Protein backbone atom coordinates (compact mmCIF):
# COMPACT_ATOMS: atom_id res chain seq x y z
CA UNK A 1 0.56 -12.82 30.71
CA UNK A 2 2.90 -15.49 29.43
CA UNK A 3 5.81 -13.82 27.61
CA UNK A 4 7.23 -15.51 24.51
CA UNK A 5 10.92 -15.89 23.73
CA UNK A 6 11.04 -16.25 19.94
CA UNK A 7 14.50 -14.70 19.61
CA UNK A 8 17.18 -17.33 19.15
CA UNK A 9 20.68 -17.15 20.68
CA UNK A 10 23.21 -15.59 18.33
CA UNK A 11 26.89 -14.71 18.38
CA UNK A 12 26.42 -11.49 16.38
CA UNK A 13 23.64 -9.05 15.63
CA UNK A 14 21.54 -9.69 12.55
CA UNK A 15 19.19 -7.25 10.85
CA UNK A 16 15.69 -8.17 9.76
CA UNK A 17 13.37 -6.16 7.53
CA UNK A 18 9.62 -6.39 7.97
CA UNK A 19 7.64 -5.32 4.90
CA UNK A 20 4.05 -4.49 5.88
CA UNK A 21 1.02 -4.24 3.62
CA UNK A 22 -2.73 -4.34 4.09
CA UNK A 23 -3.51 -7.84 2.93
CA UNK A 24 -5.91 -9.75 0.71
CA UNK A 25 -8.35 -12.64 1.02
CA UNK A 26 -6.59 -16.01 0.97
CA UNK A 27 -9.10 -17.34 -1.53
CA UNK A 28 -12.25 -16.39 -3.44
CA UNK A 29 -14.50 -18.27 -1.03
CA UNK A 30 -17.19 -15.99 0.40
CA UNK A 31 -16.31 -17.05 3.94
CA UNK A 32 -12.66 -16.09 3.41
CA UNK A 33 -13.55 -12.71 1.92
CA UNK A 34 -15.86 -12.15 4.90
CA UNK A 35 -13.06 -13.02 7.33
CA UNK A 36 -10.70 -10.58 5.63
CA UNK A 37 -13.26 -7.76 5.59
CA UNK A 38 -14.14 -8.40 9.24
CA UNK A 39 -10.49 -8.00 10.24
CA UNK A 40 -9.97 -4.94 8.05
CA UNK A 41 -13.18 -3.06 8.82
CA UNK A 42 -13.12 -4.15 12.44
CA UNK A 43 -9.77 -2.43 13.08
CA UNK A 44 -10.38 0.79 15.08
CA UNK A 45 -7.39 2.29 13.28
CA UNK A 46 -9.31 1.98 10.00
CA UNK A 47 -12.80 2.87 11.17
CA UNK A 48 -12.77 5.48 13.92
CA UNK A 49 -16.33 5.19 15.18
CA UNK A 50 -18.04 4.32 18.46
CA UNK A 51 -17.22 0.64 18.76
CA UNK A 52 -20.50 -0.97 19.75
CA UNK A 53 -22.71 0.74 17.11
CA UNK A 54 -20.09 0.15 14.41
CA UNK A 55 -19.57 -3.53 15.28
CA UNK A 56 -23.33 -4.08 15.33
CA UNK A 57 -23.59 -2.52 11.85
CA UNK A 58 -20.53 -4.41 10.61
CA UNK A 59 -21.63 -7.86 11.74
CA UNK A 60 -25.36 -7.27 11.48
CA UNK A 61 -25.45 -5.93 7.93
CA UNK A 62 -22.17 -5.14 6.13
CA UNK A 63 -20.60 -8.58 6.50
CA UNK A 64 -23.85 -10.19 5.36
CA UNK A 65 -23.94 -8.30 2.06
CA UNK A 66 -20.53 -6.95 1.08
CA UNK A 67 -18.40 -10.16 0.94
CA UNK A 68 -20.26 -11.54 -2.09
CA UNK A 69 -19.80 -8.27 -4.03
CA UNK A 70 -16.15 -8.03 -3.01
CA UNK A 71 -15.49 -11.64 -4.03
CA UNK A 72 -16.90 -10.85 -7.48
CA UNK A 73 -14.45 -7.96 -7.79
CA UNK A 74 -11.50 -10.08 -6.67
CA UNK A 75 -12.49 -12.76 -9.17
CA UNK A 76 -11.87 -10.29 -12.01
CA UNK A 77 -8.19 -9.89 -11.09
CA UNK A 78 -7.36 -13.26 -9.50
CA UNK A 79 -4.48 -15.15 -11.11
CA UNK A 80 -3.51 -18.80 -11.28
CA UNK A 81 -1.01 -18.04 -8.49
CA UNK A 82 -3.59 -16.28 -6.33
CA UNK A 83 -4.21 -12.69 -5.33
CA UNK A 84 -2.02 -10.21 -7.27
CA UNK A 85 -1.06 -8.36 -4.08
CA UNK A 86 0.27 -11.47 -2.39
CA UNK A 87 1.97 -12.74 -5.55
CA UNK A 88 3.71 -9.40 -6.10
CA UNK A 89 4.64 -9.18 -2.41
CA UNK A 90 6.37 -12.55 -2.59
CA UNK A 91 8.24 -11.54 -5.74
CA UNK A 92 9.29 -8.25 -4.18
CA UNK A 93 10.54 -10.10 -1.10
CA UNK A 94 12.67 -12.39 -3.27
CA UNK A 95 14.01 -9.47 -5.31
CA UNK A 96 14.97 -7.59 -2.15
CA UNK A 97 16.71 -10.59 -0.62
CA UNK A 98 18.80 -10.97 -3.77
CA UNK A 99 19.55 -7.25 -4.08
CA UNK A 100 20.48 -6.83 -0.41
CA UNK A 101 22.83 -9.82 -0.60
CA UNK A 102 24.95 -7.97 -3.16
CA UNK A 103 24.43 -4.44 -1.82
CA UNK A 104 27.59 -2.63 -0.66
CA UNK A 105 25.58 -0.94 2.08
CA UNK A 106 25.19 -4.04 4.25
CA UNK A 107 27.94 -6.07 5.90
CA UNK A 108 25.62 -9.08 6.17
CA UNK A 109 22.46 -9.53 4.16
CA UNK A 110 19.33 -8.74 6.21
CA UNK A 111 16.50 -11.23 6.39
CA UNK A 112 13.27 -10.00 4.75
CA UNK A 113 9.74 -11.04 5.71
CA UNK A 114 6.27 -9.92 4.66
CA UNK A 115 3.59 -9.16 7.23
CA UNK A 116 0.00 -8.51 6.19
CA UNK A 117 -2.21 -6.53 8.53
CA UNK A 118 -5.41 -8.47 7.86
CA UNK A 119 -4.41 -11.73 6.16
CA UNK A 120 -1.67 -14.34 5.89
CA UNK A 121 1.26 -14.13 6.41
CA UNK A 122 0.39 -11.96 9.40
CA UNK A 123 2.55 -9.35 11.09
CA UNK A 124 3.02 -11.52 14.23
CA UNK A 125 4.02 -14.50 12.07
CA UNK A 126 6.55 -12.40 10.14
CA UNK A 127 8.07 -10.96 13.32
CA UNK A 128 8.42 -14.42 14.82
CA UNK A 129 10.13 -15.72 11.67
CA UNK A 130 12.62 -12.86 11.83
CA UNK A 131 13.33 -13.62 15.47
CA UNK A 132 13.78 -17.31 14.76
CA UNK A 133 16.28 -16.35 12.05
CA UNK A 134 18.34 -14.60 14.73
CA UNK A 135 17.31 -11.04 13.87
CA UNK A 136 17.67 -8.95 17.01
CA UNK A 137 17.53 -5.67 15.05
CA UNK A 138 14.36 -5.14 13.02
CA UNK A 139 13.52 -2.38 10.56
CA UNK A 140 9.78 -2.01 9.97
CA UNK A 141 9.01 -0.79 6.45
CA UNK A 142 5.28 -0.30 5.78
CA UNK A 143 4.75 -0.16 2.01
CA UNK A 144 2.71 3.03 2.33
CA UNK A 145 4.66 5.98 0.89
CA UNK A 146 2.24 8.46 2.49
CA UNK A 147 1.63 8.17 6.23
CA UNK A 148 -1.89 7.67 7.57
CA UNK A 149 -3.08 6.41 10.91
CA UNK A 150 -5.28 4.00 8.93
CA UNK A 151 -2.30 2.29 7.31
CA UNK A 152 1.15 3.02 8.77
CA UNK A 153 -0.47 3.70 12.13
CA UNK A 154 -2.18 0.31 11.97
CA UNK A 155 1.19 -1.30 11.22
CA UNK A 156 2.71 0.36 14.31
CA UNK A 157 -0.16 -0.89 16.45
CA UNK A 158 0.15 -4.50 15.29
CA UNK A 159 3.95 -4.60 15.62
CA UNK A 160 3.89 -3.19 19.13
CA UNK A 161 1.00 -5.45 20.16
CA UNK A 162 2.99 -8.51 19.11
CA UNK A 163 6.24 -7.33 20.71
CA UNK A 164 4.40 -6.66 23.97
CA UNK A 165 4.14 -10.47 24.23
CA UNK A 166 7.88 -11.08 23.87
CA UNK A 167 10.32 -11.60 26.72
CA UNK A 168 13.48 -10.70 24.76
CA UNK A 169 12.85 -7.63 22.61
CA UNK A 170 14.79 -6.70 19.46
CA UNK A 171 16.08 -3.24 18.67
CA UNK A 172 13.49 -1.55 16.50
CA UNK A 173 13.49 1.14 13.81
CA UNK A 174 10.66 2.44 11.61
CA UNK A 175 10.23 4.07 8.25
CA UNK A 176 7.15 6.22 8.76
CA UNK A 177 6.78 7.47 5.19
CA UNK A 178 8.76 8.25 2.06
CA UNK A 179 6.29 10.46 0.22
CA UNK A 180 8.91 13.05 -0.79
CA UNK A 181 11.99 10.82 -0.99
CA UNK A 182 13.94 11.73 -4.11
CA UNK A 183 14.44 8.06 -4.99
CA UNK A 184 10.71 7.41 -4.72
CA UNK A 185 9.85 10.35 -6.98
CA UNK A 186 12.48 9.25 -9.48
CA UNK A 187 11.14 5.68 -9.46
CA UNK A 188 7.64 7.01 -10.17
CA UNK A 189 8.93 9.26 -12.94
CA UNK A 190 10.81 6.38 -14.57
CA UNK A 191 7.75 4.16 -14.32
CA UNK A 192 5.53 6.74 -15.99
CA UNK A 193 8.04 7.54 -18.72
CA UNK A 194 8.54 3.86 -19.54
CA UNK A 195 4.77 3.42 -19.79
CA UNK A 196 4.43 6.44 -22.04
CA UNK A 197 7.13 5.12 -24.35
CA UNK A 198 4.98 2.04 -24.92
CA UNK A 199 1.47 3.53 -24.77
CA UNK A 200 2.01 7.15 -25.79
CA UNK A 201 1.81 10.28 -23.68
CA UNK A 202 -1.80 11.04 -22.60
CA UNK A 203 -3.49 14.39 -22.99
CA UNK A 204 -4.17 14.60 -19.26
CA UNK A 205 -2.68 12.86 -16.21
CA UNK A 206 -4.77 11.90 -13.19
CA UNK A 207 -2.93 11.18 -9.93
CA UNK A 208 -5.26 9.12 -7.73
CA UNK A 209 -4.68 8.22 -4.07
CA UNK A 210 -6.70 6.05 -1.73
CA UNK A 211 -9.06 8.25 0.25
CA UNK A 212 -9.71 8.52 3.98
CA UNK A 213 -12.52 10.32 5.83
CA UNK A 214 -12.13 14.09 5.93
CA UNK A 215 -12.55 14.01 9.72
CA UNK A 216 -9.31 12.02 10.13
CA UNK A 217 -7.34 14.80 8.48
CA UNK A 218 -9.18 17.43 10.51
CA UNK A 219 -7.99 15.61 13.65
CA UNK A 220 -4.35 15.71 12.55
CA UNK A 221 -3.67 12.92 10.06
CA UNK A 222 -0.93 14.18 7.67
CA UNK A 223 -2.06 11.95 4.80
CA UNK A 224 -3.70 14.56 2.55
CA UNK A 225 -0.75 16.95 2.79
CA UNK A 226 1.71 14.17 1.94
CA UNK A 227 -0.38 12.98 -1.02
CA UNK A 228 -0.50 16.48 -2.44
CA UNK A 229 3.25 16.87 -1.98
CA UNK A 230 3.93 13.59 -3.78
CA UNK A 231 1.68 14.63 -6.67
CA UNK A 232 3.32 18.04 -6.92
CA UNK A 233 6.83 16.57 -6.98
CA UNK A 234 5.86 13.95 -9.56
CA UNK A 235 4.23 16.55 -11.81
CA UNK A 236 7.39 18.64 -11.51
CA UNK A 237 9.60 15.64 -12.37
CA UNK A 238 7.44 14.89 -15.42
CA UNK A 239 7.43 18.57 -16.43
CA UNK A 240 3.62 18.68 -16.47
CA UNK A 241 1.87 21.99 -16.98
CA UNK A 242 -0.53 22.99 -14.22
CA UNK A 243 -3.60 22.40 -16.38
CA UNK A 244 -2.43 19.02 -17.69
CA UNK A 245 -2.82 17.01 -14.48
CA UNK A 246 -5.28 16.54 -11.63
CA UNK A 247 -5.29 14.94 -8.17
CA UNK A 248 -8.17 12.87 -6.79
CA UNK A 249 -8.98 10.37 -4.01
CA UNK A 250 -10.55 6.98 -4.64
CA UNK A 251 -12.13 4.04 -2.79
CA UNK A 252 -14.68 5.99 -0.80
CA UNK A 253 -17.18 3.92 1.19
CA UNK A 254 -20.17 4.88 3.32
CA UNK A 255 -21.93 8.22 3.58
CA UNK A 256 -19.26 10.23 5.42
CA UNK A 257 -17.35 13.00 3.64
CA UNK A 258 -13.98 11.72 2.45
CA UNK A 259 -11.04 13.56 0.93
CA UNK A 260 -12.07 15.27 -2.30
CA UNK A 261 -12.27 15.48 -5.25
CA UNK A 262 -13.47 11.90 -5.67
CA UNK A 263 -11.81 9.91 -8.45
CA UNK A 264 -14.87 8.35 -10.07
CA UNK A 265 -16.88 11.59 -10.06
CA UNK A 266 -13.94 13.42 -11.61
CA UNK A 267 -13.34 10.75 -14.25
CA UNK A 268 -17.01 10.74 -15.26
CA UNK A 269 -16.97 14.53 -15.78
CA UNK A 270 -13.69 14.81 -17.69
CA UNK A 271 -14.95 14.09 -21.24
CA UNK A 272 -17.53 16.89 -20.90
CA UNK A 273 -14.62 19.20 -20.04
CA UNK A 274 -12.79 18.18 -23.22
CA UNK A 275 -10.46 15.60 -21.62
CA UNK A 276 -10.81 12.44 -23.72
CA UNK A 277 -7.29 11.01 -23.50
CA UNK A 278 -6.52 10.14 -19.86
CA UNK A 279 -3.58 8.52 -18.14
CA UNK A 280 -3.90 7.46 -14.48
CA UNK A 281 -1.23 6.72 -11.89
CA UNK A 282 -1.79 5.71 -8.25
CA UNK A 283 1.44 6.55 -6.37
CA UNK A 284 0.10 5.52 -2.97
CA UNK A 285 0.01 1.84 -3.95
CA UNK A 286 3.46 0.27 -3.94
CA UNK A 287 2.03 -2.93 -5.45
CA UNK A 288 -0.95 -3.44 -7.73
CA UNK A 289 -4.05 -4.72 -5.98
CA UNK A 290 -7.85 -4.64 -6.11
CA UNK A 291 -7.96 -0.84 -5.85
CA UNK A 292 -5.73 -0.33 -8.89
CA UNK A 293 -6.43 -3.34 -11.12
CA UNK A 294 -10.20 -3.52 -10.66
CA UNK A 295 -11.32 -0.15 -9.33
CA UNK A 296 -9.12 2.03 -11.55
CA UNK A 297 -8.26 -0.01 -14.64
CA UNK A 298 -11.70 -1.64 -14.93
CA UNK A 299 -14.42 0.39 -13.19
CA UNK A 300 -13.06 3.89 -13.78
CA UNK A 301 -11.87 2.90 -17.25
CA UNK A 302 -15.43 1.86 -18.12
CA UNK A 303 -16.93 5.03 -16.61
CA UNK A 304 -14.55 7.24 -18.58
CA UNK A 305 -15.31 5.62 -21.92
CA UNK A 306 -19.06 5.59 -21.23
CA UNK A 307 -18.91 9.33 -20.53
CA UNK A 308 -17.33 10.02 -23.93
CA UNK A 309 -13.62 9.44 -23.36
CA UNK A 310 -11.63 7.87 -26.16
CA UNK A 311 -8.48 6.51 -24.46
CA UNK A 312 -7.77 5.47 -20.87
CA UNK A 313 -4.37 4.19 -19.77
CA UNK A 314 -3.39 3.03 -16.28
CA UNK A 315 0.30 3.19 -15.30
CA UNK A 316 1.10 0.06 -13.26
CA UNK A 317 2.39 0.43 -9.70
CA UNK A 318 6.12 0.22 -9.00
CA UNK A 319 5.67 -3.49 -8.22
CA UNK A 320 8.95 -5.40 -8.73
CA UNK A 321 10.53 -2.93 -11.13
CA UNK A 322 14.28 -2.38 -10.85
CA UNK A 323 13.62 1.21 -9.73
CA UNK A 324 11.36 0.04 -6.90
CA UNK A 325 13.83 -2.55 -5.66
CA UNK A 326 16.68 -0.01 -5.81
CA UNK A 327 14.59 2.53 -3.88
CA UNK A 328 13.78 0.07 -1.09
CA UNK A 329 17.38 -1.16 -0.86
CA UNK A 330 18.59 2.43 -0.56
CA UNK A 331 16.05 3.23 2.17
CA UNK A 332 16.90 0.06 4.07
CA UNK A 333 20.62 0.81 3.92
CA UNK A 334 20.11 4.41 5.05
CA UNK A 335 17.85 3.51 7.95
CA UNK A 336 20.12 0.68 9.11
CA UNK A 337 23.23 2.87 9.31
CA UNK A 338 25.12 2.23 12.54
CA UNK A 339 23.64 -1.24 13.04
CA UNK A 340 26.40 -2.90 11.03
């Protein structure tokens, strides 16, 4: 193996922050959506199945049919600047750079880069940019508040795979999760309250998280427990009665049993139970993306109204809100203690 030496000589240590997220197609072209799905669904961290049968199914059938349908979904939310996830990621990066430059917690402003697991800019590219900026101390911050091997675990794998190619390694720290961080819960509470001030308080609150197969949790993934803890703490912060909120899991694919109850099934049944005024928040998504903007605020919205609901309101993700930026700055400062 030829080892790389991307780190540049420096007179003093410099901190770099790597923000990690899942990714998004670079364009609406079917070929690009197919490439993105192949990388995502081909990751053994995401799909834990016997490799040869799964890859045969993935390339023999799924990638021949699904990209066109996925591209149609992305087209509904695409902006003039591109994919909402990438646009918001860039804005969050800029906001963090500015906030960290004036933060009393850092002696010198850290560099901040974005690394996408399955699209551009990639995790290896982001790590190399940090090294070229002289960062020999790197904090990895996956933007997944709740830990799962399918998300944060995948980030660990890609970071370590890239660093295994380097000759001169940086010091490394990780933020594994922040599902119960008081600043995170407060940021969520403030986001919900601000939305309610504009849209009105709903009769029922649905807290929806991205699902994973039930078998992953049975084999030790802490994701479900952390999701339920986040939901409980948020309901407590919002002073919600036990019968005024529900928790569900969305984005199920395939025939395997995933974490339940399922979001769309629950939403479709709510009007028959007398719930016709519904507010939805998705705390597991730090930034709005296909799963929130299209799946929740379009598909589930439509299902709810068709089933007899009268009002559906989606609370946007934390995105680039002041509370989100303050939360991330605080976590970065805390986890970098001693490096300055």
